[in-house]
Amino acid sequence: MRSSRPALTLGAFFALALTLTACTANPESATTDEGGLTIYAGRNEALIGPLIEQFTEDTGIEVDVRYASSPELNALLLEEGERTPADVFFSQDAGALGSIANAGLTSPIPSEFADLIPAGFTSDDDSWIGVTGRARVIAYDGDDLTSETVPDTIDALTDPEWKGRVAFAPGNASFQSFITALRVLVGEEAAAAWVDAIAANDPILTDNNLATLDLVNEGQADIGLINHYYWFERAAEEGEENMRAQLEFLPGDPGGIVNVSGAAILKGAEGDPDALAFVEYLVSEKAQRYFVEDTFEYPLLPGIAAPEDLPALDSLVNPELDLADLESLEQTQQLLADAGLL
């Protein structure tokens, strides 16, 4: 956990940002350079595309975005190394960010930005910055199950009772970070035993969290392991009263960890005003409200209220887990592959 440092007020932050360079990183007044900005985005285009478009409208900075899963982009960045054309990596989870930081591919986030996000929700060395919080949850078939009959721990999901009834997306970045957290919290042997046991329990494998939720919502799976905000997005489209799937939060359990989306400025873009402007924009009040109102995620900028009907973020955080410890993504992927899940 990174040491606590006094956070700047948002007003003081913007004042300091104006003095960083002659080309300011202030999102309302920054100007584009000749090359524009290239972002590798491990987040769904439907979720963040509108925000990136708004960033361009507000700043004049043209953006080229490459969308793929965070694990895929993590592997690509490791392959490209310092030759990557990307300026910023916007990841779905902390694990992929930690992996590229561990490989020496990031540049420091200026403290004027980094100090805005509370310790525990961002890197401990300013190699990347947390942007939003997302809780892992169990989605369950509300027609056949109740909150009293749904497991409140992921250990129970390996019981024969749940054979063939649990859906998840093993290639998803958040699922892989959950497995990494499991390795950190319970040890390598116990985590490997859980992975082997869930693989042997005939799980329903999907391509992503939304597909997992849809199976539960259609009564084709009893349990789904997802991030919380997918349910709220679907409920906003269909109406909460029409949602067959319901949510069970797992405070304190490895299956209910709070992960973050986050951004890193890559090594070749150190000091680049456009990259700095984008990172500043992500943690500005405007963008944080977008994530609350449009994607139903937890804001990380203090003073911004979380979406209604969500448990308090602090009530879900596992104090024994440091998000900086989720960097061993490759080992997790190998563990899943060895169990036949990848």
Protein backbone atom coordinates (compact mmCIF):
# COMPACT_ATOMS: atom_id res chain seq x y z
CA MET A 1 0.00 0.00 0.00
CA ARG A 2 1.50 3.29 -0.93
CA SER A 3 2.13 5.80 1.81
CA SER A 4 -0.54 8.39 2.43
CA ARG A 5 0.19 11.84 1.05
CA PRO A 6 -1.99 14.91 1.42
CA ALA A 7 -4.20 15.15 -1.63
CA LEU A 8 -4.39 18.45 -3.43
CA THR A 9 -7.73 20.10 -3.82
CA LEU A 10 -9.05 19.95 -7.36
CA GLY A 11 -8.66 23.70 -7.72
CA ALA A 12 -5.04 23.63 -6.61
CA PHE A 13 -4.44 20.70 -8.93
CA PHE A 14 -5.61 22.59 -12.00
CA ALA A 15 -3.56 25.61 -10.99
CA LEU A 16 -0.42 23.50 -10.76
CA ALA A 17 -1.21 21.72 -14.02
CA LEU A 18 -1.15 25.04 -15.84
CA THR A 19 2.50 25.49 -14.92
CA LEU A 20 3.72 22.06 -15.99
CA THR A 21 4.70 23.05 -19.51
CA ALA A 22 4.12 25.76 -22.08
CA CYS A 23 1.68 23.25 -23.59
CA THR A 24 -0.59 22.76 -20.63
CA ALA A 25 -2.17 19.45 -19.67
CA ASN A 26 -5.37 21.18 -18.59
CA PRO A 27 -8.21 19.32 -20.37
CA GLU A 28 -10.07 22.52 -21.21
CA SER A 29 -7.15 24.33 -22.84
CA ALA A 30 -4.60 21.79 -24.06
CA THR A 31 -3.56 21.87 -27.71
CA THR A 32 -2.76 18.90 -29.86
CA ASP A 33 0.78 18.15 -31.08
CA GLU A 34 1.54 16.98 -34.59
CA GLY A 35 1.32 13.30 -33.71
CA GLY A 36 -1.89 13.40 -31.69
CA LEU A 37 -2.44 10.76 -29.02
CA THR A 38 -2.43 6.97 -29.37
CA ILE A 39 -4.25 4.99 -26.70
CA TYR A 40 -4.29 1.23 -26.19
CA ALA A 41 -7.66 0.67 -24.50
CA GLY A 42 -8.44 -2.55 -22.69
CA ARG A 43 -11.93 -1.29 -21.98
CA ASN A 44 -15.05 -1.80 -24.05
CA GLU A 45 -15.48 0.85 -26.74
CA ALA A 46 -19.17 1.23 -25.90
CA LEU A 47 -18.19 2.20 -22.35
CA ILE A 48 -15.38 4.66 -22.92
CA GLY A 49 -15.71 5.70 -26.56
CA PRO A 50 -18.11 8.56 -25.72
CA LEU A 51 -15.74 9.84 -23.02
CA ILE A 52 -12.78 9.84 -25.41
CA GLU A 53 -14.86 11.72 -27.97
CA GLN A 54 -15.72 14.28 -25.31
CA PHE A 55 -12.02 14.58 -24.43
CA THR A 56 -11.26 15.48 -28.05
CA GLU A 57 -14.10 18.01 -28.13
CA ASP A 58 -12.88 19.64 -24.92
CA THR A 59 -9.17 19.70 -25.75
CA GLY A 60 -8.79 19.60 -29.51
CA ILE A 61 -6.48 16.61 -29.12
CA GLU A 62 -7.08 13.98 -31.78
CA VAL A 63 -6.99 10.43 -30.47
CA ASP A 64 -6.28 7.13 -32.19
CA VAL A 65 -7.58 4.24 -30.08
CA ARG A 66 -6.74 0.56 -30.39
CA TYR A 67 -9.34 -1.54 -28.56
CA ALA A 68 -8.70 -5.09 -27.33
CA SER A 69 -8.85 -6.97 -24.04
CA SER A 70 -6.42 -5.84 -21.36
CA PRO A 71 -4.58 -9.20 -21.37
CA GLU A 72 -4.17 -8.98 -25.15
CA LEU A 73 -2.84 -5.43 -24.96
CA ASN A 74 -0.58 -6.33 -22.06
CA ALA A 75 0.97 -9.09 -24.17
CA LEU A 76 1.28 -6.73 -27.15
CA LEU A 77 3.00 -4.05 -25.09
CA LEU A 78 5.44 -6.59 -23.66
CA GLU A 79 6.20 -7.70 -27.22
CA GLU A 80 6.54 -4.17 -28.61
CA GLY A 81 8.53 -2.87 -25.66
CA GLU A 82 9.82 0.66 -26.09
CA ARG A 83 8.99 0.49 -29.82
CA THR A 84 5.26 0.69 -29.13
CA PRO A 85 3.35 3.45 -30.93
CA ALA A 86 1.07 3.78 -27.90
CA ASP A 87 1.30 6.79 -25.60
CA VAL A 88 -1.19 5.66 -22.95
CA PHE A 89 -2.46 2.27 -21.81
CA PHE A 90 -5.99 2.48 -20.38
CA SER A 91 -6.52 -0.88 -18.70
CA GLN A 92 -9.56 -2.67 -17.34
CA ASP A 93 -7.59 -3.83 -14.32
CA ALA A 94 -4.55 -3.20 -12.15
CA GLY A 95 -2.86 -6.49 -13.02
CA ALA A 96 -2.10 -5.60 -16.63
CA LEU A 97 -0.84 -2.16 -15.57
CA GLY A 98 1.43 -3.69 -12.95
CA SER A 99 2.76 -6.14 -15.51
CA ILE A 100 3.94 -3.46 -17.93
CA ALA A 101 5.25 -1.32 -15.08
CA ASN A 102 7.24 -4.29 -13.83
CA ALA A 103 8.74 -4.58 -17.32
CA GLY A 104 9.93 -0.96 -17.15
CA LEU A 105 7.57 0.26 -19.88
CA THR A 106 5.87 3.11 -18.02
CA SER A 107 6.86 6.65 -17.11
CA PRO A 108 6.01 8.24 -13.75
CA ILE A 109 2.61 9.84 -13.31
CA PRO A 110 3.27 13.40 -12.06
CA SER A 111 2.48 13.75 -8.38
CA GLU A 112 0.04 16.58 -9.16
CA PHE A 113 -2.18 13.91 -10.71
CA ALA A 114 -1.23 10.85 -8.69
CA ASP A 115 -1.93 12.49 -5.33
CA LEU A 116 -5.55 13.06 -6.27
CA ILE A 117 -6.35 9.34 -5.96
CA PRO A 118 -6.35 7.87 -2.45
CA ALA A 119 -3.66 5.39 -1.50
CA GLY A 120 -4.78 1.82 -2.05
CA PHE A 121 -6.55 2.60 -5.33
CA THR A 122 -3.49 3.48 -7.37
CA SER A 123 0.10 2.31 -7.76
CA ASP A 124 2.54 2.71 -4.89
CA ASP A 125 5.28 4.09 -7.17
CA ASP A 126 3.21 6.33 -9.49
CA SER A 127 3.82 4.00 -12.44
CA TRP A 128 0.05 4.06 -13.15
CA ILE A 129 -3.00 5.82 -11.78
CA GLY A 130 -6.32 4.36 -10.65
CA VAL A 131 -9.36 5.78 -12.46
CA THR A 132 -12.46 3.84 -11.31
CA GLY A 133 -13.32 1.12 -8.81
CA ARG A 134 -15.20 -2.07 -9.68
CA ALA A 135 -16.26 -4.87 -7.38
CA ARG A 136 -16.30 -8.55 -8.27
CA VAL A 137 -19.72 -10.03 -7.53
CA ILE A 138 -21.86 -13.09 -7.99
CA ALA A 139 -24.77 -12.67 -10.39
CA TYR A 140 -27.43 -15.27 -9.65
CA ASP A 141 -30.70 -16.43 -11.18
CA GLY A 142 -33.28 -14.65 -9.05
CA ASP A 143 -36.07 -16.93 -10.27
CA ASP A 144 -34.45 -20.05 -8.85
CA LEU A 145 -32.19 -18.73 -6.08
CA THR A 146 -32.32 -16.21 -3.25
CA SER A 147 -29.64 -14.27 -1.44
CA GLU A 148 -29.91 -16.84 1.37
CA THR A 149 -29.21 -19.79 -0.95
CA VAL A 150 -26.42 -18.18 -2.99
CA PRO A 151 -22.87 -18.92 -1.78
CA ASP A 152 -21.19 -16.04 0.04
CA THR A 153 -17.71 -17.34 -0.75
CA ILE A 154 -16.08 -18.51 -3.96
CA ASP A 155 -14.82 -21.65 -2.20
CA ALA A 156 -18.38 -23.00 -2.15
CA LEU A 157 -18.60 -22.84 -5.94
CA THR A 158 -16.35 -25.88 -6.26
CA ASP A 159 -18.87 -28.06 -4.40
CA PRO A 160 -20.65 -30.75 -6.46
CA GLU A 161 -23.90 -28.88 -5.86
CA TRP A 162 -22.76 -26.23 -8.36
CA LYS A 163 -21.42 -28.54 -11.04
CA GLY A 164 -22.28 -27.16 -14.47
CA ARG A 165 -24.07 -24.16 -12.99
CA VAL A 166 -21.33 -21.50 -12.74
CA ALA A 167 -20.38 -19.23 -15.66
CA PHE A 168 -17.34 -16.98 -16.03
CA ALA A 169 -14.96 -15.57 -18.64
CA PRO A 170 -11.45 -16.94 -18.02
CA GLY A 171 -9.88 -14.67 -20.64
CA ASN A 172 -11.29 -11.54 -19.04
CA ALA A 173 -8.81 -9.21 -17.34
CA SER A 174 -10.90 -8.83 -14.19
CA PHE A 175 -11.31 -12.59 -13.78
CA GLN A 176 -7.57 -13.03 -14.20
CA SER A 177 -6.92 -10.32 -11.61
CA PHE A 178 -9.27 -12.14 -9.24
CA ILE A 179 -7.18 -15.30 -9.69
CA THR A 180 -4.01 -13.29 -9.09
CA ALA A 181 -5.57 -11.86 -5.92
CA LEU A 182 -6.47 -15.38 -4.85
CA ARG A 183 -2.82 -16.39 -5.29
CA VAL A 184 -1.72 -13.41 -3.19
CA LEU A 185 -4.30 -13.89 -0.45
CA VAL A 186 -4.34 -17.67 0.05
CA GLY A 187 -1.02 -18.77 -1.47
CA GLU A 188 -0.02 -20.48 -4.68
CA GLU A 189 -0.98 -24.04 -3.70
CA ALA A 190 -4.44 -23.12 -2.42
CA ALA A 191 -5.14 -20.93 -5.45
CA ALA A 192 -4.05 -23.69 -7.84
CA ALA A 193 -6.28 -26.14 -5.97
CA TRP A 194 -9.28 -23.80 -6.38
CA VAL A 195 -8.61 -23.32 -10.09
CA ASP A 196 -8.30 -27.07 -10.62
CA ALA A 197 -11.48 -27.68 -8.62
CA ILE A 198 -13.57 -25.10 -10.46
CA ALA A 199 -12.27 -26.39 -13.79
CA ALA A 200 -13.31 -29.92 -12.80
CA ASN A 201 -16.77 -28.70 -11.81
CA ASP A 202 -17.84 -28.29 -15.44
CA PRO A 203 -18.07 -24.47 -15.57
CA ILE A 204 -19.78 -22.59 -18.38
CA LEU A 205 -17.03 -20.59 -20.10
CA THR A 206 -17.88 -17.31 -21.82
CA ASP A 207 -16.04 -14.64 -23.78
CA ASN A 208 -16.71 -11.72 -21.45
CA ASN A 209 -18.58 -10.47 -18.40
CA LEU A 210 -21.60 -9.29 -20.36
CA ALA A 211 -22.07 -12.68 -21.99
CA THR A 212 -21.83 -14.22 -18.53
CA LEU A 213 -24.50 -11.91 -17.16
CA ASP A 214 -26.78 -12.58 -20.13
CA LEU A 215 -26.64 -16.34 -19.49
CA VAL A 216 -27.77 -15.78 -15.91
CA ASN A 217 -30.39 -13.25 -16.93
CA GLU A 218 -31.82 -15.73 -19.45
CA GLY A 219 -31.87 -18.62 -16.98
CA GLN A 220 -29.12 -20.56 -18.76
CA ALA A 221 -26.69 -20.36 -15.82
CA ASP A 222 -27.46 -20.19 -12.13
CA ILE A 223 -24.31 -18.30 -11.10
CA GLY A 224 -22.05 -15.86 -12.95
CA LEU A 225 -18.81 -14.23 -11.82
CA ILE A 226 -18.74 -10.65 -13.11
CA ASN A 227 -17.98 -7.03 -12.24
CA HIS A 228 -20.84 -5.21 -10.56
CA TYR A 229 -21.39 -2.48 -13.14
CA TYR A 230 -22.45 -4.84 -15.93
CA TRP A 231 -25.65 -5.56 -14.02
CA PHE A 232 -26.40 -1.88 -13.52
CA GLU A 233 -25.80 -1.09 -17.19
CA ARG A 234 -28.14 -3.88 -18.28
CA ALA A 235 -30.73 -2.82 -15.68
CA ALA A 236 -30.60 0.75 -16.97
CA GLU A 237 -31.43 -0.57 -20.46
CA GLU A 238 -34.11 -3.10 -19.51
CA GLY A 239 -35.43 -1.81 -16.18
CA GLU A 240 -34.49 -3.27 -12.82
CA GLU A 241 -37.91 -4.87 -12.50
CA ASN A 242 -37.17 -6.90 -15.64
CA MET A 243 -33.83 -8.27 -14.42
CA ARG A 244 -33.95 -11.98 -13.67
CA ALA A 245 -30.30 -11.82 -12.60
CA GLN A 246 -29.60 -10.41 -9.15
CA LEU A 247 -26.32 -9.52 -7.40
CA GLU A 248 -24.56 -10.83 -4.34
CA PHE A 249 -21.59 -8.82 -3.05
CA LEU A 250 -18.82 -10.72 -1.27
CA PRO A 251 -17.11 -8.30 1.15
CA GLY A 252 -13.83 -9.68 2.46
CA ASP A 253 -13.85 -12.76 0.22
CA PRO A 254 -11.21 -13.11 -2.53
CA GLY A 255 -14.08 -13.49 -4.98
CA GLY A 256 -15.35 -10.02 -4.07
CA ILE A 257 -12.19 -7.98 -4.46
CA VAL A 258 -12.32 -4.34 -5.51
CA ASN A 259 -10.11 -3.81 -8.53
CA VAL A 260 -9.59 -0.61 -10.47
CA SER A 261 -9.41 0.50 -14.04
CA GLY A 262 -6.41 2.69 -14.56
CA ALA A 263 -4.04 4.37 -16.96
CA ALA A 264 -0.30 4.42 -17.52
CA ILE A 265 1.76 6.81 -19.61
CA LEU A 266 4.20 4.70 -21.56
CA LYS A 267 7.91 5.29 -21.46
CA GLY A 268 8.18 6.85 -24.91
CA ALA A 269 5.50 9.42 -24.04
CA GLU A 270 7.10 10.71 -20.84
CA GLY A 271 6.34 14.41 -20.51
CA ASP A 272 4.08 14.40 -23.57
CA PRO A 273 1.46 17.11 -23.00
CA ASP A 274 -1.30 15.18 -24.77
CA ALA A 275 -0.72 12.06 -22.69
CA LEU A 276 -0.66 14.17 -19.53
CA ALA A 277 -3.86 15.89 -20.61
CA PHE A 278 -5.63 12.57 -21.05
CA VAL A 279 -4.57 11.25 -17.66
CA GLU A 280 -5.66 14.53 -16.07
CA TYR A 281 -9.00 14.26 -17.85
CA LEU A 282 -9.65 10.75 -16.54
CA VAL A 283 -9.35 11.90 -12.93
CA SER A 284 -11.15 15.21 -13.42
CA GLU A 285 -14.56 15.79 -11.89
CA LYS A 286 -16.18 15.74 -15.32
CA ALA A 287 -14.85 12.30 -16.26
CA GLN A 288 -15.44 10.85 -12.81
CA ARG A 289 -19.09 11.89 -13.00
CA TYR A 290 -19.29 10.28 -16.43
CA PHE A 291 -18.14 6.96 -14.96
CA VAL A 292 -20.71 7.23 -12.17
CA GLU A 293 -23.64 8.21 -14.38
CA ASP A 294 -22.89 6.28 -17.56
CA THR A 295 -20.94 3.16 -16.55
CA PHE A 296 -22.04 2.81 -12.89
CA GLU A 297 -18.49 2.44 -11.56
CA TYR A 298 -17.10 3.73 -8.29
CA PRO A 299 -15.41 7.13 -8.67
CA LEU A 300 -11.95 7.38 -7.12
CA LEU A 301 -11.73 11.18 -6.97
CA PRO A 302 -12.73 12.21 -3.43
CA GLY A 303 -15.92 14.21 -3.21
CA ILE A 304 -17.73 12.45 -6.07
CA ALA A 305 -20.68 10.35 -4.91
CA ALA A 306 -20.88 6.71 -6.01
CA PRO A 307 -23.91 5.38 -7.91
CA GLU A 308 -26.99 4.81 -5.80
CA ASP A 309 -27.74 1.34 -4.41
CA LEU A 310 -24.08 0.32 -4.23
CA PRO A 311 -22.39 -0.76 -0.98
CA ALA A 312 -19.83 1.72 0.31
CA LEU A 313 -16.52 1.11 -1.44
CA ASP A 314 -14.61 0.92 1.85
CA SER A 315 -16.91 -1.88 3.01
CA LEU A 316 -15.76 -4.07 0.11
CA VAL A 317 -12.02 -3.44 0.16
CA ASN A 318 -9.90 -6.33 1.41
CA PRO A 319 -7.23 -4.73 3.65
CA GLU A 320 -4.89 -7.66 3.07
CA LEU A 321 -4.70 -7.03 -0.67
CA ASP A 322 -2.43 -4.45 -2.29
CA LEU A 323 -3.37 -3.85 -5.92
CA ALA A 324 0.32 -3.43 -6.67
CA ASP A 325 0.65 -7.17 -6.00
CA LEU A 326 -1.54 -8.06 -8.98
CA GLU A 327 1.33 -7.60 -11.44
CA SER A 328 2.10 -11.33 -11.92
CA LEU A 329 -0.38 -11.69 -14.77
CA GLU A 330 1.68 -14.17 -16.77
CA GLN A 331 1.79 -16.67 -13.90
CA THR A 332 -1.98 -16.45 -13.52
CA GLN A 333 -2.52 -17.04 -17.22
CA GLN A 334 -0.26 -20.08 -17.08
CA LEU A 335 -2.18 -21.41 -14.07
CA LEU A 336 -5.46 -21.08 -15.97
CA ALA A 337 -3.96 -22.66 -19.07
CA ASP A 338 -2.63 -25.60 -17.06
CA ALA A 339 -6.17 -26.19 -15.78
CA GLY A 340 -7.57 -26.11 -19.31
CA LEU A 341 -9.44 -22.84 -18.82
CA LEU A 342 -7.46 -20.88 -21.40
